[in-house]
């Protein structure tokens, strides 16, 4: 009687982001990195408040090997500036609370990898072609800078640009090592100092072995 080979169960890594650009980018990563020994599952939560995202991350951490929580801080910064309530209830304060909860809970610390981009994912895209730690207060300003450099002078924040026409991940793959190095130079997320240029996307590639 032939012995059936044991097929290992592939570990699944979930990715939670609050924007469509993260979803499009991760879908292209998944498409191109076919040698990955894990399954990646990009998720776009229906509710996008910090509290709702955190609850979703906790839920996913119960069923996946790891959960990457990707947070663009531009909305948090903008909404905190306009916030009129108690300081400890502001979006920035809530983000700090949830971040500290992850960092102080051994179970969450083992399962959840927090990834910040300031102001947004486009900062990670920019780091493929420019070494910078400059702070941009809006995503539009980052896009203006991106469009000064090849091969991104035609950059557009659209699903067609990311996926159908260009395959942004494949286009930027030759610059990936530079992007990881540049991202490392931007430092670590500091919940008490949100207004600094930052991308922690390199954490994803370190964890996945890319």
Protein backbone atom coordinates (compact mmCIF):
# COMPACT_ATOMS: atom_id res chain seq x y z
CA UNK A 1 0.00 0.00 0.00
CA UNK A 2 1.48 3.30 -1.10
CA UNK A 3 2.09 5.82 1.61
CA UNK A 4 0.56 9.16 0.81
CA UNK A 5 2.97 12.05 1.21
CA UNK A 6 2.22 14.43 4.03
CA UNK A 7 1.36 17.83 2.62
CA UNK A 8 2.32 20.55 5.10
CA UNK A 9 -0.34 23.06 5.97
CA UNK A 10 0.66 26.47 4.66
CA UNK A 11 0.75 29.17 7.26
CA UNK A 12 -1.47 32.14 6.53
CA UNK A 13 -0.49 35.75 7.16
CA UNK A 14 -3.26 38.32 7.22
CA UNK A 15 -2.75 41.98 6.31
CA UNK A 16 -5.13 44.65 7.56
CA UNK A 17 -4.94 48.11 6.00
CA UNK A 18 -7.32 51.04 5.97
CA UNK A 19 -6.79 52.02 2.34
CA UNK A 20 -7.28 50.53 -1.10
CA UNK A 21 -3.69 51.25 -2.16
CA UNK A 22 -2.43 48.80 0.48
CA UNK A 23 -4.84 46.18 -0.80
CA UNK A 24 -3.79 46.66 -4.43
CA UNK A 25 -0.09 46.61 -3.57
CA UNK A 26 -0.37 43.46 -1.46
CA UNK A 27 -2.37 41.70 -4.14
CA UNK A 28 0.49 42.36 -6.56
CA UNK A 29 3.04 41.15 -4.01
CA UNK A 30 1.05 37.95 -3.65
CA UNK A 31 0.84 37.54 -7.43
CA UNK A 32 4.56 38.00 -8.02
CA UNK A 33 6.14 36.22 -5.06
CA UNK A 34 5.04 32.74 -6.05
CA UNK A 35 7.83 31.04 -4.09
CA UNK A 36 6.46 32.20 -0.74
CA UNK A 37 5.98 29.31 1.67
CA UNK A 38 3.09 31.13 3.33
CA UNK A 39 -0.28 32.28 2.11
CA UNK A 40 -0.94 35.99 2.38
CA UNK A 41 -4.45 37.33 2.77
CA UNK A 42 -4.95 41.06 2.30
CA UNK A 43 -7.99 42.31 4.18
CA UNK A 44 -9.79 45.64 3.90
CA UNK A 45 -12.00 46.22 6.96
CA UNK A 46 -15.48 47.55 6.34
CA UNK A 47 -15.17 49.95 9.28
CA UNK A 48 -12.00 52.01 9.34
CA UNK A 49 -11.77 53.66 12.74
CA UNK A 50 -8.68 52.77 14.77
CA UNK A 51 -10.82 50.89 17.30
CA UNK A 52 -12.57 48.87 14.58
CA UNK A 53 -9.30 48.03 12.84
CA UNK A 54 -7.76 46.93 16.12
CA UNK A 55 -10.74 44.70 16.92
CA UNK A 56 -10.44 43.14 13.47
CA UNK A 57 -6.71 42.59 13.92
CA UNK A 58 -7.35 40.84 17.24
CA UNK A 59 -9.99 38.65 15.62
CA UNK A 60 -7.68 37.65 12.77
CA UNK A 61 -4.79 36.96 15.15
CA UNK A 62 -6.79 34.05 16.53
CA UNK A 63 -6.82 32.22 13.18
CA UNK A 64 -3.65 33.32 11.35
CA UNK A 65 0.03 32.78 12.03
CA UNK A 66 0.68 36.53 11.94
CA UNK A 67 -1.33 39.68 11.30
CA UNK A 68 0.25 42.79 9.82
CA UNK A 69 -1.64 45.93 10.80
CA UNK A 70 -0.74 48.65 8.30
CA UNK A 71 -1.68 52.14 9.47
CA UNK A 72 -1.40 55.31 7.41
CA UNK A 73 -1.11 58.12 9.93
CA UNK A 74 -2.20 61.02 7.71
CA UNK A 75 -5.88 60.61 8.58
CA UNK A 76 -5.05 60.20 12.29
CA UNK A 77 -2.99 63.40 12.26
CA UNK A 78 -5.62 65.36 10.34
CA UNK A 79 -8.52 64.19 12.49
CA UNK A 80 -6.57 64.83 15.70
CA UNK A 81 -5.90 68.42 14.66
CA UNK A 82 -9.63 68.95 14.20
CA UNK A 83 -10.64 67.04 17.33
CA UNK A 84 -12.40 69.14 19.98
CA UNK A 85 -13.00 66.54 22.67
CA UNK A 86 -10.91 65.21 25.55
CA UNK A 87 -7.28 64.82 24.62
CA UNK A 88 -7.16 61.17 25.64
CA UNK A 89 -10.05 60.44 23.27
CA UNK A 90 -8.42 61.92 20.16
CA UNK A 91 -7.55 59.63 17.22
CA UNK A 92 -3.82 59.99 18.00
CA UNK A 93 -4.44 59.03 21.63
CA UNK A 94 -6.52 56.01 20.62
CA UNK A 95 -3.80 54.88 18.19
CA UNK A 96 -1.19 55.21 20.96
CA UNK A 97 -3.37 53.16 23.31
CA UNK A 98 -3.84 50.35 20.79
CA UNK A 99 -0.16 50.37 19.83
CA UNK A 100 0.87 50.16 23.48
CA UNK A 101 -1.64 47.36 24.03
CA UNK A 102 0.05 45.34 21.28
CA UNK A 103 3.51 46.08 22.66
CA UNK A 104 2.57 45.17 26.26
CA UNK A 105 0.53 42.02 25.61
CA UNK A 106 2.88 39.04 25.00
CA UNK A 107 0.22 37.20 23.00
CA UNK A 108 -0.48 40.14 20.70
CA UNK A 109 3.19 41.04 20.45
CA UNK A 110 3.87 37.53 19.14
CA UNK A 111 1.00 37.58 16.65
CA UNK A 112 0.59 41.20 15.48
CA UNK A 113 3.16 43.20 13.54
CA UNK A 114 2.37 46.90 13.55
CA UNK A 115 3.43 48.73 10.38
CA UNK A 116 3.14 52.52 10.19
CA UNK A 117 3.42 54.76 7.13
CA UNK A 118 3.56 58.54 7.51
CA UNK A 119 1.77 60.03 5.81
CA UNK A 120 0.68 57.04 3.71
CA UNK A 121 1.73 54.04 1.61
CA UNK A 122 3.08 56.37 -1.06
CA UNK A 123 5.99 57.15 1.26
CA UNK A 124 7.05 53.50 0.88
CA UNK A 125 6.70 53.82 -2.89
CA UNK A 126 8.86 56.96 -2.82
CA UNK A 127 11.60 55.20 -0.86
CA UNK A 128 12.19 52.90 -3.83
CA UNK A 129 13.64 55.84 -5.75
CA UNK A 130 14.67 58.41 -3.11
CA UNK A 131 16.47 58.22 0.22
CA UNK A 132 14.64 60.64 2.49
CA UNK A 133 13.32 61.14 6.00
CA UNK A 134 11.43 64.29 5.09
CA UNK A 135 7.96 64.69 6.55
CA UNK A 136 5.12 65.34 4.09
CA UNK A 137 1.84 66.37 5.65
CA UNK A 138 -0.31 65.04 2.82
CA UNK A 139 -0.24 62.11 0.46
CA UNK A 140 -0.61 64.47 -2.48
CA UNK A 141 2.74 66.06 -1.67
CA UNK A 142 4.38 62.62 -1.62
CA UNK A 143 2.81 61.84 -4.99
CA UNK A 144 4.16 65.11 -6.41
CA UNK A 145 7.65 64.00 -5.33
CA UNK A 146 7.18 60.47 -6.67
CA UNK A 147 6.29 61.82 -10.12
CA UNK A 148 9.67 63.54 -10.39
CA UNK A 149 11.47 60.20 -10.60
CA UNK A 150 11.69 57.31 -13.01
CA UNK A 151 10.14 54.80 -13.30
CA UNK A 152 7.20 56.46 -11.56
CA UNK A 153 6.74 59.72 -13.45
CA UNK A 154 3.33 58.45 -14.64
CA UNK A 155 2.26 57.42 -11.11
CA UNK A 156 -1.48 57.42 -10.41
CA UNK A 157 -3.29 56.34 -7.27
CA UNK A 158 -5.67 54.05 -9.11
CA UNK A 159 -6.32 50.33 -9.24
CA UNK A 160 -5.56 50.36 -12.96
CA UNK A 161 -2.12 51.85 -12.38
CA UNK A 162 -1.29 49.42 -9.57
CA UNK A 163 -2.61 46.29 -11.20
CA UNK A 164 -3.95 46.33 -14.71
CA UNK A 165 -1.60 48.59 -16.63
CA UNK A 166 1.66 48.42 -14.75
CA UNK A 167 1.89 45.81 -11.98
CA UNK A 168 3.51 48.23 -9.56
CA UNK A 169 5.16 45.52 -7.49
CA UNK A 170 6.90 43.97 -10.48
CA UNK A 171 7.94 47.40 -11.73
CA UNK A 172 9.48 48.33 -8.38
CA UNK A 173 11.01 44.93 -7.51
CA UNK A 174 14.49 45.92 -8.86
CA UNK A 175 14.50 48.76 -6.31
CA UNK A 176 13.18 46.72 -3.37
CA UNK A 177 16.46 46.33 -1.50
CA UNK A 178 17.04 50.06 -1.68
CA UNK A 179 13.51 50.71 -0.41
CA UNK A 180 14.04 48.38 2.56
CA UNK A 181 17.31 50.12 3.44
CA UNK A 182 15.76 53.56 3.07
CA UNK A 183 12.74 52.56 5.16
CA UNK A 184 15.00 51.31 7.93
CA UNK A 185 16.67 54.71 8.00
CA UNK A 186 13.36 56.46 8.70
CA UNK A 187 13.36 54.93 12.18
CA UNK A 188 10.65 53.32 14.27
CA UNK A 189 7.09 54.39 14.91
CA UNK A 190 6.78 56.80 17.83
CA UNK A 191 3.18 57.30 19.01
CA UNK A 192 4.22 60.57 20.68
CA UNK A 193 5.70 62.00 17.48
CA UNK A 194 3.51 61.18 14.50
CA UNK A 195 4.68 64.04 12.32
CA UNK A 196 7.85 62.54 10.90
CA UNK A 197 8.48 60.83 7.58
CA UNK A 198 8.23 57.09 8.18
CA UNK A 199 7.67 53.74 6.55
CA UNK A 200 7.87 50.40 8.33
CA UNK A 201 6.92 48.32 5.29
CA UNK A 202 10.32 46.66 5.40
CA UNK A 203 9.06 44.69 8.42
CA UNK A 204 6.78 42.76 6.07
CA UNK A 205 9.60 41.69 3.79
CA UNK A 206 11.82 40.71 6.72
CA UNK A 207 9.07 38.52 8.16
CA UNK A 208 8.27 36.93 4.79
CA UNK A 209 11.93 36.42 3.89
CA UNK A 210 11.74 38.50 0.69
